[in-house]
């Protein structure tokens, strides 16, 4: 039996769906004690696309190599696929 998980790719999120997932990722980061990641994801609500992208990529970089927190990175990766919809 394989331990691999399949990530459901959603590519039709609009701004409200994108922001909701980023707020959720921020909350998960706070609960996990990842204050640097949570801080990076602050202020995304209503921010211009370039700012959201900057903060998203910063959070992804901070999570790189932290396998224990892959569930947060998966959300961020899905949001990245939806950035053109902003």
PDB file of N, CA and C in Angstrom:
ATOM      1  N   UNK A   1       0.845  -1.183   0.000  1.00  0.00           N
ATOM      2  CA  UNK A   1       0.000   0.000   0.000  1.00  0.00           C
ATOM      3  C   UNK A   1       0.886   1.241   0.000  1.00  0.00           C
ATOM      4  N   UNK A   2       0.529   2.204  -0.766  1.00  0.00           N
ATOM      5  CA  UNK A   2       1.315   3.422  -0.902  1.00  0.00           C
ATOM      6  C   UNK A   2       0.884   4.473   0.112  1.00  0.00           C
ATOM      7  N   UNK A   3       1.853   5.246   0.589  1.00  0.00           N
ATOM      8  CA  UNK A   3       1.576   6.333   1.524  1.00  0.00           C
ATOM      9  C   UNK A   3       1.443   7.668   0.805  1.00  0.00           C
ATOM     10  N   UNK A   4       1.466   7.645  -0.515  1.00  0.00           N
ATOM     11  CA  UNK A   4       1.383   8.886  -1.276  1.00  0.00           C
ATOM     12  C   UNK A   4      -0.024   9.471  -1.190  1.00  0.00           C
ATOM     13  N   UNK A   5      -0.067  10.802  -1.097  1.00  0.00           N
ATOM     14  CA  UNK A   5      -1.343  11.503  -1.087  1.00  0.00           C
ATOM     15  C   UNK A   5      -1.513  12.205  -2.419  1.00  0.00           C
ATOM     16  N   UNK A   6      -2.742  12.336  -2.819  1.00  0.00           N
ATOM     17  CA  UNK A   6      -3.050  13.068  -4.038  1.00  0.00           C
ATOM     18  C   UNK A   6      -3.610  14.426  -3.649  1.00  0.00           C
ATOM     19  N   UNK A   7      -3.050  15.459  -4.216  1.00  0.00           N
ATOM     20  CA  UNK A   7      -3.514  16.813  -3.973  1.00  0.00           C
ATOM     21  C   UNK A   7      -4.534  17.170  -5.039  1.00  0.00           C
ATOM     22  N   UNK A   8      -5.722  17.539  -4.596  1.00  0.00           N
ATOM     23  CA  UNK A   8      -6.752  17.950  -5.541  1.00  0.00           C
ATOM     24  C   UNK A   8      -6.415  19.354  -6.027  1.00  0.00           C
ATOM     25  N   UNK A   9      -6.214  19.482  -7.308  1.00  0.00           N
ATOM     26  CA  UNK A   9      -5.859  20.769  -7.876  1.00  0.00           C
ATOM     27  C   UNK A   9      -7.111  21.562  -8.227  1.00  0.00           C
ATOM     28  N   UNK A  10      -7.215  22.703  -7.639  1.00  0.00           N
ATOM     29  CA  UNK A  10      -8.320  23.611  -7.907  1.00  0.00           C
ATOM     30  C   UNK A  10      -7.709  24.828  -8.585  1.00  0.00           C
ATOM     31  N   UNK A  11      -8.159  25.110  -9.792  1.00  0.00           N
ATOM     32  CA  UNK A  11      -7.554  26.231 -10.534  1.00  0.00           C
ATOM     33  C   UNK A  11      -8.566  27.298 -10.923  1.00  0.00           C
ATOM     34  N   UNK A  12      -9.735  27.269 -10.296  1.00  0.00           N
ATOM     35  CA  UNK A  12     -10.753  28.252 -10.651  1.00  0.00           C
ATOM     36  C   UNK A  12     -11.142  29.143  -9.470  1.00  0.00           C
ATOM     37  N   UNK A  13     -10.239  29.307  -8.521  1.00  0.00           N
ATOM     38  CA  UNK A  13     -10.526  30.151  -7.368  1.00  0.00           C
ATOM     39  C   UNK A  13     -10.510  31.619  -7.763  1.00  0.00           C
ATOM     40  N   UNK A  14     -11.432  32.352  -7.230  1.00  0.00           N
ATOM     41  CA  UNK A  14     -11.467  33.803  -7.392  1.00  0.00           C
ATOM     42  C   UNK A  14     -10.827  34.427  -6.157  1.00  0.00           C
ATOM     43  N   UNK A  15     -10.778  35.742  -6.098  1.00  0.00           N
ATOM     44  CA  UNK A  15     -10.100  36.441  -5.003  1.00  0.00           C
ATOM     45  C   UNK A  15     -10.579  35.972  -3.629  1.00  0.00           C
ATOM     46  N   UNK A  16     -11.883  35.847  -3.424  1.00  0.00           N
ATOM     47  CA  UNK A  16     -12.377  35.473  -2.098  1.00  0.00           C
ATOM     48  C   UNK A  16     -11.904  34.078  -1.700  1.00  0.00           C
ATOM     49  N   UNK A  17     -11.878  33.144  -2.641  1.00  0.00           N
ATOM     50  CA  UNK A  17     -11.396  31.793  -2.356  1.00  0.00           C
ATOM     51  C   UNK A  17      -9.903  31.766  -2.082  1.00  0.00           C
ATOM     52  N   UNK A  18      -9.157  32.565  -2.825  1.00  0.00           N
ATOM     53  CA  UNK A  18      -7.707  32.654  -2.633  1.00  0.00           C
ATOM     54  C   UNK A  18      -7.404  33.235  -1.247  1.00  0.00           C
ATOM     55  N   UNK A  19      -8.071  34.347  -0.933  1.00  0.00           N
ATOM     56  CA  UNK A  19      -7.837  34.973   0.370  1.00  0.00           C
ATOM     57  C   UNK A  19      -8.241  34.057   1.514  1.00  0.00           C
ATOM     58  N   UNK A  20      -9.344  33.340   1.354  1.00  0.00           N
ATOM     59  CA  UNK A  20      -9.796  32.416   2.402  1.00  0.00           C
ATOM     60  C   UNK A  20      -8.730  31.355   2.682  1.00  0.00           C
ATOM     61  N   UNK A  21      -8.142  30.821   1.632  1.00  0.00           N
ATOM     62  CA  UNK A  21      -7.123  29.779   1.815  1.00  0.00           C
ATOM     63  C   UNK A  21      -5.834  30.348   2.407  1.00  0.00           C
ATOM     64  N   UNK A  22      -5.496  31.563   2.040  1.00  0.00           N
ATOM     65  CA  UNK A  22      -4.308  32.182   2.630  1.00  0.00           C
ATOM     66  C   UNK A  22      -4.523  32.499   4.113  1.00  0.00           C
ATOM     67  N   UNK A  23      -5.718  32.934   4.468  1.00  0.00           N
ATOM     68  CA  UNK A  23      -6.036  33.180   5.879  1.00  0.00           C
ATOM     69  C   UNK A  23      -5.993  31.859   6.648  1.00  0.00           C
ATOM     70  N   UNK A  24      -6.501  30.792   6.035  1.00  0.00           N
ATOM     71  CA  UNK A  24      -6.459  29.473   6.661  1.00  0.00           C
ATOM     72  C   UNK A  24      -5.008  29.014   6.849  1.00  0.00           C
ATOM     73  N   UNK A  25      -4.175  29.224   5.833  1.00  0.00           N
ATOM     74  CA  UNK A  25      -2.755  28.847   5.933  1.00  0.00           C
ATOM     75  C   UNK A  25      -2.074  29.656   7.032  1.00  0.00           C
ATOM     76  N   UNK A  26      -2.417  30.937   7.145  1.00  0.00           N
ATOM     77  CA  UNK A  26      -1.854  31.784   8.200  1.00  0.00           C
ATOM     78  C   UNK A  26      -2.252  31.259   9.572  1.00  0.00           C
ATOM     79  N   UNK A  27      -3.496  30.877   9.724  1.00  0.00           N
ATOM     80  CA  UNK A  27      -3.986  30.329  10.990  1.00  0.00           C
ATOM     81  C   UNK A  27      -3.274  29.020  11.338  1.00  0.00           C
ATOM     82  N   UNK A  28      -3.100  28.153  10.353  1.00  0.00           N
ATOM     83  CA  UNK A  28      -2.390  26.887  10.574  1.00  0.00           C
ATOM     84  C   UNK A  28      -0.937  27.149  10.972  1.00  0.00           C
ATOM     85  N   UNK A  29      -0.315  28.135  10.341  1.00  0.00           N
ATOM     86  CA  UNK A  29       1.072  28.480  10.670  1.00  0.00           C
ATOM     87  C   UNK A  29       1.163  28.987  12.107  1.00  0.00           C
ATOM     88  N   UNK A  30       0.210  29.826  12.509  1.00  0.00           N
ATOM     89  CA  UNK A  30       0.203  30.329  13.886  1.00  0.00           C
ATOM     90  C   UNK A  30       0.070  29.184  14.877  1.00  0.00           C
ATOM     91  N   UNK A  31      -0.849  28.268  14.605  1.00  0.00           N
ATOM     92  CA  UNK A  31      -1.073  27.122  15.500  1.00  0.00           C
ATOM     93  C   UNK A  31       0.141  26.218  15.568  1.00  0.00           C
ATOM     94  N   UNK A  32       0.907  26.170  14.480  1.00  0.00           N
ATOM     95  CA  UNK A  32       2.098  25.316  14.425  1.00  0.00           C
ATOM     96  C   UNK A  32       3.336  26.021  14.988  1.00  0.00           C
ATOM     97  N   UNK A  33       3.165  27.253  15.452  1.00  0.00           N
ATOM     98  CA  UNK A  33       4.301  27.990  16.009  1.00  0.00           C
ATOM     99  C   UNK A  33       5.220  28.579  14.952  1.00  0.00           C
ATOM    100  N   UNK A  34       4.732  28.714  13.749  1.00  0.00           N
ATOM    101  CA  UNK A  34       5.528  29.273  12.649  1.00  0.00           C
ATOM    102  C   UNK A  34       5.196  30.753  12.501  1.00  0.00           C
ATOM    103  N   UNK A  35       5.613  31.518  13.473  1.00  0.00           N
ATOM    104  CA  UNK A  35       5.251  32.939  13.490  1.00  0.00           C
ATOM    105  C   UNK A  35       5.813  33.696  12.290  1.00  0.00           C
ATOM    106  N   UNK A  36       6.966  33.276  11.777  1.00  0.00           N
ATOM    107  CA  UNK A  36       7.537  33.950  10.614  1.00  0.00           C
ATOM    108  C   UNK A  36       6.660  33.755   9.381  1.00  0.00           C
ATOM    109  N   UNK A  37       6.117  32.560   9.222  1.00  0.00           N
ATOM    110  CA  UNK A  37       5.228  32.274   8.092  1.00  0.00           C
ATOM    111  C   UNK A  37       3.911  33.026   8.278  1.00  0.00           C
ATOM    112  N   UNK A  38       3.360  32.983   9.485  1.00  0.00           N
ATOM    113  CA  UNK A  38       2.105  33.674   9.764  1.00  0.00           C
ATOM    114  C   UNK A  38       2.255  35.172   9.506  1.00  0.00           C
ATOM    115  N   UNK A  39       3.362  35.739   9.930  1.00  0.00           N
ATOM    116  CA  UNK A  39       3.596  37.169   9.726  1.00  0.00           C
ATOM    117  C   UNK A  39       3.706  37.497   8.229  1.00  0.00           C
ATOM    118  N   UNK A  40       4.339  36.609   7.484  1.00  0.00           N
ATOM    119  CA  UNK A  40       4.484  36.812   6.039  1.00  0.00           C
ATOM    120  C   UNK A  40       3.118  36.863   5.358  1.00  0.00           C
ATOM    121  N   UNK A  41       2.151  36.121   5.885  1.00  0.00           N
ATOM    122  CA  UNK A  41       0.832  36.039   5.266  1.00  0.00           C
ATOM    123  C   UNK A  41      -0.144  37.082   5.804  1.00  0.00           C
ATOM    124  N   UNK A  42       0.335  37.992   6.637  1.00  0.00           N
ATOM    125  CA  UNK A  42      -0.526  39.065   7.136  1.00  0.00           C
ATOM    126  C   UNK A  42      -0.747  40.114   6.047  1.00  0.00           C
ATOM    127  N   UNK A  43      -1.911  40.727   6.065  1.00  0.00           N
ATOM    128  CA  UNK A  43      -2.187  41.840   5.170  1.00  0.00           C
ATOM    129  C   UNK A  43      -2.486  41.465   3.733  1.00  0.00           C
ATOM    130  N   UNK A  44      -2.895  40.220   3.508  1.00  0.00           N
ATOM    131  CA  UNK A  44      -3.180  39.805   2.136  1.00  0.00           C
ATOM    132  C   UNK A  44      -4.596  40.178   1.699  1.00  0.00           C
ATOM    133  N   UNK A  45      -5.455  40.390   2.673  1.00  0.00           N
ATOM    134  CA  UNK A  45      -6.845  40.688   2.357  1.00  0.00           C
ATOM    135  C   UNK A  45      -6.945  42.025   1.612  1.00  0.00           C
ATOM    136  N   UNK A  46      -7.427  41.953   0.376  1.00  0.00           N
ATOM    137  CA  UNK A  46      -7.601  43.149  -0.432  1.00  0.00           C
ATOM    138  C   UNK A  46      -6.323  43.719  -1.033  1.00  0.00           C
ATOM    139  N   UNK A  47      -5.194  43.048  -0.805  1.00  0.00           N
ATOM    140  CA  UNK A  47      -3.914  43.542  -1.330  1.00  0.00           C
ATOM    141  C   UNK A  47      -3.854  43.355  -2.851  1.00  0.00           C
ATOM    142  N   UNK A  48      -3.060  44.178  -3.517  1.00  0.00           N
ATOM    143  CA  UNK A  48      -2.881  44.011  -4.972  1.00  0.00           C
ATOM    144  C   UNK A  48      -2.249  42.647  -5.288  1.00  0.00           C
ATOM    145  N   UNK A  49      -2.487  42.181  -6.482  1.00  0.00           N
ATOM    146  CA  UNK A  49      -1.989  40.870  -6.905  1.00  0.00           C
ATOM    147  C   UNK A  49      -0.489  40.718  -6.662  1.00  0.00           C
ATOM    148  N   UNK A  50       0.292  41.721  -6.996  1.00  0.00           N
ATOM    149  CA  UNK A  50       1.750  41.643  -6.833  1.00  0.00           C
ATOM    150  C   UNK A  50       2.132  41.446  -5.367  1.00  0.00           C
ATOM    151  N   UNK A  51       1.413  42.096  -4.463  1.00  0.00           N
ATOM    152  CA  UNK A  51       1.710  41.972  -3.032  1.00  0.00           C
ATOM    153  C   UNK A  51       1.340  40.581  -2.528  1.00  0.00           C
ATOM    154  N   UNK A  52       0.197  40.070  -2.973  1.00  0.00           N
ATOM    155  CA  UNK A  52      -0.221  38.717  -2.587  1.00  0.00           C
ATOM    156  C   UNK A  52       0.820  37.711  -3.069  1.00  0.00           C
ATOM    157  N   UNK A  53       1.258  37.873  -4.305  1.00  0.00           N
ATOM    158  CA  UNK A  53       2.257  36.963  -4.870  1.00  0.00           C
ATOM    159  C   UNK A  53       3.572  37.040  -4.095  1.00  0.00           C
ATOM    160  N   UNK A  54       3.991  38.238  -3.737  1.00  0.00           N
ATOM    161  CA  UNK A  54       5.225  38.430  -2.971  1.00  0.00           C
ATOM    162  C   UNK A  54       5.138  37.723  -1.618  1.00  0.00           C
ATOM    163  N   UNK A  55       4.025  37.902  -0.936  1.00  0.00           N
ATOM    164  CA  UNK A  55       3.857  37.290   0.379  1.00  0.00           C
ATOM    165  C   UNK A  55       3.743  35.769   0.276  1.00  0.00           C
ATOM    166  N   UNK A  56       3.039  35.291  -0.739  1.00  0.00           N
ATOM    167  CA  UNK A  56       2.892  33.854  -0.962  1.00  0.00           C
ATOM    168  C   UNK A  56       4.254  33.210  -1.185  1.00  0.00           C
ATOM    169  N   UNK A  57       5.035  33.791  -2.078  1.00  0.00           N
ATOM    170  CA  UNK A  57       6.354  33.226  -2.384  1.00  0.00           C
ATOM    171  C   UNK A  57       7.288  33.292  -1.168  1.00  0.00           C
ATOM    172  N   UNK A  58       7.163  34.350  -0.381  1.00  0.00           N
ATOM    173  CA  UNK A  58       7.956  34.452   0.839  1.00  0.00           C
ATOM    174  C   UNK A  58       7.605  33.357   1.828  1.00  0.00           C
ATOM    175  N   UNK A  59       6.321  33.088   1.981  1.00  0.00           N
ATOM    176  CA  UNK A  59       5.879  32.029   2.891  1.00  0.00           C
ATOM    177  C   UNK A  59       6.334  30.659   2.386  1.00  0.00           C
ATOM    178  N   UNK A  60       6.241  30.435   1.072  1.00  0.00           N
ATOM    179  CA  UNK A  60       6.707  29.172   0.505  1.00  0.00           C
ATOM    180  C   UNK A  60       8.198  28.971   0.772  1.00  0.00           C
ATOM    181  N   UNK A  61       8.955  30.023   0.627  1.00  0.00           N
ATOM    182  CA  UNK A  61      10.399  29.947   0.862  1.00  0.00           C
ATOM    183  C   UNK A  61      10.688  29.603   2.328  1.00  0.00           C
ATOM    184  N   UNK A  62       9.940  30.217   3.235  1.00  0.00           N
ATOM    185  CA  UNK A  62      10.133  29.937   4.659  1.00  0.00           C
ATOM    186  C   UNK A  62       9.772  28.493   5.013  1.00  0.00           C
ATOM    187  N   UNK A  63       8.837  27.914   4.284  1.00  0.00           N
ATOM    188  CA  UNK A  63       8.403  26.541   4.554  1.00  0.00           C
ATOM    189  C   UNK A  63       9.237  25.485   3.831  1.00  0.00           C
ATOM    190  N   UNK A  64      10.070  25.904   2.910  1.00  0.00           N
ATOM    191  CA  UNK A  64      10.883  24.956   2.142  1.00  0.00           C
ATOM    192  C   UNK A  64      11.713  24.087   3.080  1.00  0.00           C
ATOM    193  N   UNK A  65      11.624  22.791   2.876  1.00  0.00           N
ATOM    194  CA  UNK A  65      12.403  21.852   3.670  1.00  0.00           C
ATOM    195  C   UNK A  65      11.804  21.512   5.026  1.00  0.00           C
ATOM    196  N   UNK A  66      10.620  22.018   5.322  1.00  0.00           N
ATOM    197  CA  UNK A  66       9.960  21.717   6.600  1.00  0.00           C
ATOM    198  C   UNK A  66       8.854  20.691   6.339  1.00  0.00           C
ATOM    199  N   UNK A  67       9.258  19.426   6.229  1.00  0.00           N
ATOM    200  CA  UNK A  67       8.328  18.360   5.870  1.00  0.00           C
ATOM    201  C   UNK A  67       7.167  18.233   6.858  1.00  0.00           C
ATOM    202  N   UNK A  68       7.403  18.593   8.104  1.00  0.00           N
ATOM    203  CA  UNK A  68       6.339  18.502   9.108  1.00  0.00           C
ATOM    204  C   UNK A  68       5.182  19.443   8.802  1.00  0.00           C
ATOM    205  N   UNK A  69       5.416  20.424   7.974  1.00  0.00           N
ATOM    206  CA  UNK A  69       4.397  21.430   7.684  1.00  0.00           C
ATOM    207  C   UNK A  69       4.003  21.434   6.204  1.00  0.00           C
ATOM    208  N   UNK A  70       4.131  20.274   5.581  1.00  0.00           N
ATOM    209  CA  UNK A  70       3.815  20.177   4.155  1.00  0.00           C
ATOM    210  C   UNK A  70       2.347  20.484   3.876  1.00  0.00           C
ATOM    211  N   UNK A  71       1.472  20.259   4.857  1.00  0.00           N
ATOM    212  CA  UNK A  71       0.053  20.547   4.652  1.00  0.00           C
ATOM    213  C   UNK A  71      -0.188  22.038   4.404  1.00  0.00           C
ATOM    214  N   UNK A  72       0.614  22.886   5.008  1.00  0.00           N
ATOM    215  CA  UNK A  72       0.497  24.324   4.783  1.00  0.00           C
ATOM    216  C   UNK A  72       1.063  24.671   3.404  1.00  0.00           C
ATOM    217  N   UNK A  73       2.181  24.083   3.079  1.00  0.00           N
ATOM    218  CA  UNK A  73       2.813  24.342   1.783  1.00  0.00           C
ATOM    219  C   UNK A  73       1.918  23.889   0.630  1.00  0.00           C
ATOM    220  N   UNK A  74       1.195  22.794   0.814  1.00  0.00           N
ATOM    221  CA  UNK A  74       0.284  22.314  -0.224  1.00  0.00           C
ATOM    222  C   UNK A  74      -0.808  23.345  -0.509  1.00  0.00           C
ATOM    223  N   UNK A  75      -1.323  23.983   0.541  1.00  0.00           N
ATOM    224  CA  UNK A  75      -2.339  25.022   0.362  1.00  0.00           C
ATOM    225  C   UNK A  75      -1.742  26.198  -0.404  1.00  0.00           C
ATOM    226  N   UNK A  76      -0.529  26.591  -0.027  1.00  0.00           N
ATOM    227  CA  UNK A  76       0.121  27.711  -0.700  1.00  0.00           C
ATOM    228  C   UNK A  76       0.404  27.396  -2.167  1.00  0.00           C
ATOM    229  N   UNK A  77       0.807  26.159  -2.434  1.00  0.00           N
ATOM    230  CA  UNK A  77       1.066  25.761  -3.820  1.00  0.00           C
ATOM    231  C   UNK A  77      -0.210  25.824  -4.663  1.00  0.00           C
ATOM    232  N   UNK A  78      -1.340  25.409  -4.067  1.00  0.00           N
ATOM    233  CA  UNK A  78      -2.608  25.461  -4.791  1.00  0.00           C
ATOM    234  C   UNK A  78      -3.000  26.913  -5.052  1.00  0.00           C
ATOM    235  N   UNK A  79      -2.799  27.773  -4.066  1.00  0.00           N
ATOM    236  CA  UNK A  79      -3.112  29.192  -4.232  1.00  0.00           C
ATOM    237  C   UNK A  79      -2.248  29.776  -5.355  1.00  0.00           C
ATOM    238  N   UNK A  80      -0.984  29.373  -5.405  1.00  0.00           N
ATOM    239  CA  UNK A  80      -0.084  29.897  -6.448  1.00  0.00           C
ATOM    240  C   UNK A  80      -0.628  29.590  -7.852  1.00  0.00           C
ATOM    241  N   UNK A  81      -1.207  28.419  -8.013  1.00  0.00           N
ATOM    242  CA  UNK A  81      -1.792  28.053  -9.313  1.00  0.00           C
ATOM    243  C   UNK A  81      -2.967  28.964  -9.686  1.00  0.00           C
ATOM    244  N   UNK A  82      -3.569  29.580  -8.677  1.00  0.00           N
ATOM    245  CA  UNK A  82      -4.741  30.418  -8.891  1.00  0.00           C
ATOM    246  C   UNK A  82      -4.435  31.907  -8.968  1.00  0.00           C
ATOM    247  N   UNK A  83      -3.186  32.302  -8.793  1.00  0.00           N
ATOM    248  CA  UNK A  83      -2.847  33.727  -8.819  1.00  0.00           C
ATOM    249  C   UNK A  83      -3.287  34.433 -10.100  1.00  0.00           C
ATOM    250  N   UNK A  84      -3.244  33.795 -11.264  1.00  0.00           N
ATOM    251  CA  UNK A  84      -3.718  34.499 -12.461  1.00  0.00           C
ATOM    252  C   UNK A  84      -5.187  34.923 -12.365  1.00  0.00           C
ATOM    253  N   UNK A  85      -5.946  34.330 -11.463  1.00  0.00           N
ATOM    254  CA  UNK A  85      -7.372  34.653 -11.311  1.00  0.00           C
ATOM    255  C   UNK A  85      -7.609  35.892 -10.470  1.00  0.00           C
ATOM    256  N   UNK A  86      -6.559  36.451  -9.863  1.00  0.00           N
ATOM    257  CA  UNK A  86      -6.744  37.648  -9.027  1.00  0.00           C
ATOM    258  C   UNK A  86      -7.033  38.859  -9.886  1.00  0.00           C
TER     259      UNK A  86
END
